[in-house]
Amino acid sequence: SQPFHIVRLRPWPVLARICAAAILLGGVSFFHGVSGYGRLGLLGFRGIVFIAFCWWRDVCREATLLGCHTNRVVRGVKLGIVLFITSEVIFFFGFFWAFYHSRLVPCGRLGCVWPPIGVEVIDPFGVPLLNTLVLLSSGVLVTLSHHRLMGSHRISSLNYLV
């Protein structure tokens, strides 16, 4: 009688916490030179990947096959995605704000120069430029492929992706 989907209890949140603890314990032990715990971190990472697959499988099954997601639930999921993307934009805004603040007004702790003394600057026209070009061209090709797919041109859409 209510418009929300009440989910059944699932093991995924508890298992994800256990795997995250395994990753943390394995990583800290590995970096402190304790032997044998690197595999624990790897096992935890594999567990997280498996749990993410199963969890999303359950969500998709509830949304499509079982028909549990009402319009209100779908709106809530979309709002959650929008809020997540907004938080990422705010995070990167703050990150770049801190970078440009340190770049434009270097403080005494940095030696009042940029880049700080002892930091080697990489050539921006080498690998960073290549990475930027690959990122931008892949975005353009995926967008073109999407437009071709929306126009029912499946074969040419696949050609843009390959």
C-alpha atoms as a PDB file:
ATOM      1  CA  SER A   1       0.000   0.000   0.000  1.00  0.00           C
ATOM      2  CA  GLN A   2       3.022   2.297   0.222  1.00  0.00           C
ATOM      3  CA  PRO A   3       4.980   3.470  -2.855  1.00  0.00           C
ATOM      4  CA  PHE A   4       8.440   2.362  -1.725  1.00  0.00           C
ATOM      5  CA  HIS A   5      10.205  -0.928  -2.270  1.00  0.00           C
ATOM      6  CA  ILE A   6      11.147  -2.552   1.015  1.00  0.00           C
ATOM      7  CA  VAL A   7      14.101  -4.792   0.246  1.00  0.00           C
ATOM      8  CA  ARG A   8      14.622  -8.198   1.772  1.00  0.00           C
ATOM      9  CA  LEU A   9      17.604  -8.754   4.010  1.00  0.00           C
ATOM     10  CA  ARG A  10      20.638  -9.574   1.923  1.00  0.00           C
ATOM     11  CA  PRO A  11      24.126 -10.718   2.938  1.00  0.00           C
ATOM     12  CA  TRP A  12      25.897  -8.224   0.651  1.00  0.00           C
ATOM     13  CA  PRO A  13      26.429  -5.300   3.091  1.00  0.00           C
ATOM     14  CA  VAL A  14      27.929  -7.531   5.796  1.00  0.00           C
ATOM     15  CA  LEU A  15      30.103  -9.414   3.313  1.00  0.00           C
ATOM     16  CA  ALA A  16      31.262  -6.124   1.765  1.00  0.00           C
ATOM     17  CA  ARG A  17      32.367  -4.897   5.202  1.00  0.00           C
ATOM     18  CA  ILE A  18      34.281  -8.120   5.822  1.00  0.00           C
ATOM     19  CA  CYS A  19      36.004  -7.860   2.438  1.00  0.00           C
ATOM     20  CA  ALA A  20      36.815  -4.180   3.025  1.00  0.00           C
ATOM     21  CA  ALA A  21      38.376  -5.111   6.374  1.00  0.00           C
ATOM     22  CA  ALA A  22      40.389  -7.832   4.603  1.00  0.00           C
ATOM     23  CA  ILE A  23      41.632  -5.282   2.060  1.00  0.00           C
ATOM     24  CA  LEU A  24      42.586  -2.880   4.856  1.00  0.00           C
ATOM     25  CA  LEU A  25      44.329  -5.530   6.956  1.00  0.00           C
ATOM     26  CA  GLY A  26      46.098  -7.005   3.937  1.00  0.00           C
ATOM     27  CA  GLY A  27      47.236  -3.608   2.663  1.00  0.00           C
ATOM     28  CA  VAL A  28      48.506  -2.341   6.016  1.00  0.00           C
ATOM     29  CA  SER A  29      50.288  -5.631   6.732  1.00  0.00           C
ATOM     30  CA  PHE A  30      51.817  -5.679   3.255  1.00  0.00           C
ATOM     31  CA  PHE A  31      53.172  -2.146   3.587  1.00  0.00           C
ATOM     32  CA  HIS A  32      54.587  -2.932   7.025  1.00  0.00           C
ATOM     33  CA  GLY A  33      56.439  -5.922   5.602  1.00  0.00           C
ATOM     34  CA  VAL A  34      54.411  -8.676   7.278  1.00  0.00           C
ATOM     35  CA  SER A  35      54.525 -11.658   4.949  1.00  0.00           C
ATOM     36  CA  GLY A  36      51.466 -13.617   3.908  1.00  0.00           C
ATOM     37  CA  TYR A  37      48.876 -10.863   4.239  1.00  0.00           C
ATOM     38  CA  GLY A  38      49.139  -9.599   0.660  1.00  0.00           C
ATOM     39  CA  ARG A  39      46.956 -12.509  -0.413  1.00  0.00           C
ATOM     40  CA  LEU A  40      44.356 -11.488   2.155  1.00  0.00           C
ATOM     41  CA  GLY A  41      44.088  -8.044   0.538  1.00  0.00           C
ATOM     42  CA  LEU A  42      43.804  -9.623  -2.902  1.00  0.00           C
ATOM     43  CA  LEU A  43      41.134 -12.017  -1.658  1.00  0.00           C
ATOM     44  CA  GLY A  44      39.222  -9.066  -0.160  1.00  0.00           C
ATOM     45  CA  PHE A  45      39.419  -7.184  -3.463  1.00  0.00           C
ATOM     46  CA  ARG A  46      38.117 -10.184  -5.379  1.00  0.00           C
ATOM     47  CA  GLY A  47      35.334 -10.502  -2.828  1.00  0.00           C
ATOM     48  CA  ILE A  48      34.338  -6.851  -3.287  1.00  0.00           C
ATOM     49  CA  VAL A  49      34.166  -7.306  -7.072  1.00  0.00           C
ATOM     50  CA  PHE A  50      32.043 -10.444  -6.673  1.00  0.00           C
ATOM     51  CA  ILE A  51      29.747  -8.754  -4.134  1.00  0.00           C
ATOM     52  CA  ALA A  52      29.276  -5.703  -6.378  1.00  0.00           C
ATOM     53  CA  PHE A  53      28.314  -7.983  -9.273  1.00  0.00           C
ATOM     54  CA  CYS A  54      25.818  -9.967  -7.160  1.00  0.00           C
ATOM     55  CA  TRP A  55      24.359  -6.871  -5.491  1.00  0.00           C
ATOM     56  CA  TRP A  56      23.731  -5.096  -8.806  1.00  0.00           C
ATOM     57  CA  ARG A  57      22.355  -8.343 -10.245  1.00  0.00           C
ATOM     58  CA  ASP A  58      19.814  -8.390  -7.418  1.00  0.00           C
ATOM     59  CA  VAL A  59      18.920  -4.719  -7.922  1.00  0.00           C
ATOM     60  CA  CYS A  60      18.411  -5.230 -11.674  1.00  0.00           C
ATOM     61  CA  ARG A  61      16.356  -8.363 -11.041  1.00  0.00           C
ATOM     62  CA  GLU A  62      14.121  -6.499  -8.567  1.00  0.00           C
ATOM     63  CA  ALA A  63      13.702  -3.594 -10.974  1.00  0.00           C
ATOM     64  CA  THR A  64      12.921  -5.579 -14.108  1.00  0.00           C
ATOM     65  CA  LEU A  65      11.840  -9.161 -13.544  1.00  0.00           C
ATOM     66  CA  LEU A  66      10.122  -8.752 -10.184  1.00  0.00           C
ATOM     67  CA  GLY A  67       8.693  -5.281 -10.919  1.00  0.00           C
ATOM     68  CA  CYS A  68       9.422  -4.004  -7.410  1.00  0.00           C
ATOM     69  CA  HIS A  69      10.530  -0.515  -8.457  1.00  0.00           C
ATOM     70  CA  THR A  70       7.651   1.934  -8.673  1.00  0.00           C
ATOM     71  CA  ASN A  71       7.978   5.322 -10.387  1.00  0.00           C
ATOM     72  CA  ARG A  72       8.762   6.879  -7.028  1.00  0.00           C
ATOM     73  CA  VAL A  73      11.582   4.399  -6.420  1.00  0.00           C
ATOM     74  CA  VAL A  74      13.011   5.036  -9.900  1.00  0.00           C
ATOM     75  CA  ARG A  75      12.942   8.793  -9.230  1.00  0.00           C
ATOM     76  CA  GLY A  76      14.770   8.167  -5.950  1.00  0.00           C
ATOM     77  CA  VAL A  77      17.463   6.099  -7.679  1.00  0.00           C
ATOM     78  CA  LYS A  78      17.924   8.807 -10.314  1.00  0.00           C
ATOM     79  CA  LEU A  79      18.139  11.469  -7.613  1.00  0.00           C
ATOM     80  CA  GLY A  80      20.759   9.377  -5.820  1.00  0.00           C
ATOM     81  CA  ILE A  81      22.863   9.210  -8.971  1.00  0.00           C
ATOM     82  CA  VAL A  82      22.538  12.968  -9.513  1.00  0.00           C
ATOM     83  CA  LEU A  83      23.565  13.647  -5.896  1.00  0.00           C
ATOM     84  CA  PHE A  84      26.549  11.308  -6.231  1.00  0.00           C
ATOM     85  CA  ILE A  85      27.755  13.042  -9.397  1.00  0.00           C
ATOM     86  CA  THR A  86      27.215  16.428  -7.729  1.00  0.00           C
ATOM     87  CA  SER A  87      29.306  15.364  -4.737  1.00  0.00           C
ATOM     88  CA  GLU A  88      32.089  14.247  -7.095  1.00  0.00           C
ATOM     89  CA  VAL A  89      32.015  17.618  -8.858  1.00  0.00           C
ATOM     90  CA  ILE A  90      32.202  19.413  -5.507  1.00  0.00           C
ATOM     91  CA  PHE A  91      35.092  17.182  -4.405  1.00  0.00           C
ATOM     92  CA  PHE A  92      37.114  17.906  -7.539  1.00  0.00           C
ATOM     93  CA  PHE A  93      36.276  21.604  -7.312  1.00  0.00           C
ATOM     94  CA  GLY A  94      37.744  21.647  -3.801  1.00  0.00           C
ATOM     95  CA  PHE A  95      40.753  19.598  -4.914  1.00  0.00           C
ATOM     96  CA  PHE A  96      41.580  21.940  -7.779  1.00  0.00           C
ATOM     97  CA  TRP A  97      40.829  24.981  -5.622  1.00  0.00           C
ATOM     98  CA  ALA A  98      43.502  23.821  -3.169  1.00  0.00           C
ATOM     99  CA  PHE A  99      45.927  23.136  -6.020  1.00  0.00           C
ATOM    100  CA  TYR A 100      45.454  26.523  -7.678  1.00  0.00           C
ATOM    101  CA  HIS A 101      45.562  28.317  -4.331  1.00  0.00           C
ATOM    102  CA  SER A 102      48.936  26.705  -3.603  1.00  0.00           C
ATOM    103  CA  ARG A 103      50.047  27.433  -7.156  1.00  0.00           C
ATOM    104  CA  LEU A 104      49.058  31.091  -7.287  1.00  0.00           C
ATOM    105  CA  VAL A 105      49.897  32.051  -3.696  1.00  0.00           C
ATOM    106  CA  PRO A 106      52.673  29.734  -2.469  1.00  0.00           C
ATOM    107  CA  CYS A 107      53.128  29.956   1.267  1.00  0.00           C
ATOM    108  CA  GLY A 108      56.342  30.033   3.277  1.00  0.00           C
ATOM    109  CA  ARG A 109      56.211  26.303   3.944  1.00  0.00           C
ATOM    110  CA  LEU A 110      56.629  25.756   0.199  1.00  0.00           C
ATOM    111  CA  GLY A 111      59.559  28.159   0.046  1.00  0.00           C
ATOM    112  CA  CYS A 112      57.399  30.878  -1.556  1.00  0.00           C
ATOM    113  CA  VAL A 113      58.027  29.318  -4.976  1.00  0.00           C
ATOM    114  CA  TRP A 114      56.088  27.005  -7.242  1.00  0.00           C
ATOM    115  CA  PRO A 115      56.792  24.178  -7.773  1.00  0.00           C
ATOM    116  CA  PRO A 116      58.198  23.606  -4.283  1.00  0.00           C
ATOM    117  CA  ILE A 117      61.939  23.119  -4.032  1.00  0.00           C
ATOM    118  CA  GLY A 118      62.871  19.500  -4.630  1.00  0.00           C
ATOM    119  CA  VAL A 119      59.807  18.630  -6.720  1.00  0.00           C
ATOM    120  CA  GLU A 120      60.651  17.576 -10.271  1.00  0.00           C
ATOM    121  CA  VAL A 121      58.160  18.812 -12.861  1.00  0.00           C
ATOM    122  CA  ILE A 122      57.165  16.430 -15.663  1.00  0.00           C
ATOM    123  CA  ASP A 123      56.849  17.623 -19.243  1.00  0.00           C
ATOM    124  CA  PRO A 124      53.159  18.342 -19.921  1.00  0.00           C
ATOM    125  CA  PHE A 125      53.586  17.717 -23.655  1.00  0.00           C
ATOM    126  CA  GLY A 126      54.633  14.069 -23.228  1.00  0.00           C
ATOM    127  CA  VAL A 127      52.528  11.352 -21.633  1.00  0.00           C
ATOM    128  CA  PRO A 128      50.043  13.759 -19.948  1.00  0.00           C
ATOM    129  CA  LEU A 129      49.093  15.244 -23.326  1.00  0.00           C
ATOM    130  CA  LEU A 130      48.691  11.769 -24.818  1.00  0.00           C
ATOM    131  CA  ASN A 131      46.477  10.709 -21.885  1.00  0.00           C
ATOM    132  CA  THR A 132      44.338  13.823 -22.324  1.00  0.00           C
ATOM    133  CA  LEU A 133      43.910  13.170 -26.046  1.00  0.00           C
ATOM    134  CA  VAL A 134      42.926   9.537 -25.424  1.00  0.00           C
ATOM    135  CA  LEU A 135      40.391  10.608 -22.786  1.00  0.00           C
ATOM    136  CA  LEU A 136      38.808  13.309 -24.952  1.00  0.00           C
ATOM    137  CA  SER A 137      38.711  11.198 -28.110  1.00  0.00           C
ATOM    138  CA  SER A 138      37.138   8.254 -26.275  1.00  0.00           C
ATOM    139  CA  GLY A 139      34.451  10.571 -24.902  1.00  0.00           C
ATOM    140  CA  VAL A 140      33.713  11.915 -28.384  1.00  0.00           C
ATOM    141  CA  LEU A 141      33.551   8.415 -29.886  1.00  0.00           C
ATOM    142  CA  VAL A 142      31.226   7.119 -27.165  1.00  0.00           C
ATOM    143  CA  THR A 143      28.962  10.141 -27.676  1.00  0.00           C
ATOM    144  CA  LEU A 144      28.889   9.598 -31.445  1.00  0.00           C
ATOM    145  CA  SER A 145      28.169   5.903 -30.904  1.00  0.00           C
ATOM    146  CA  HIS A 146      25.310   6.784 -28.556  1.00  0.00           C
ATOM    147  CA  HIS A 147      23.779   9.155 -31.104  1.00  0.00           C
ATOM    148  CA  ARG A 148      24.035   6.515 -33.829  1.00  0.00           C
ATOM    149  CA  LEU A 149      22.427   3.945 -31.533  1.00  0.00           C
ATOM    150  CA  MET A 150      19.563   6.319 -30.696  1.00  0.00           C
ATOM    151  CA  GLY A 151      19.034   6.716 -34.453  1.00  0.00           C
ATOM    152  CA  SER A 152      18.704   2.917 -34.824  1.00  0.00           C
ATOM    153  CA  HIS A 153      22.035   2.586 -36.655  1.00  0.00           C
ATOM    154  CA  ARG A 154      23.395  -0.359 -34.684  1.00  0.00           C
ATOM    155  CA  ILE A 155      26.260  -1.391 -36.977  1.00  0.00           C
ATOM    156  CA  SER A 156      27.733   2.106 -37.324  1.00  0.00           C
ATOM    157  CA  SER A 157      27.282   2.570 -33.570  1.00  0.00           C
ATOM    158  CA  LEU A 158      29.457  -0.495 -32.969  1.00  0.00           C
ATOM    159  CA  ASN A 159      32.029   0.787 -35.452  1.00  0.00           C
ATOM    160  CA  TYR A 160      32.501   3.926 -33.331  1.00  0.00           C
ATOM    161  CA  LEU A 161      33.138   1.767 -30.265  1.00  0.00           C
ATOM    162  CA  VAL A 162      35.726  -0.442 -31.975  1.00  0.00           C
END
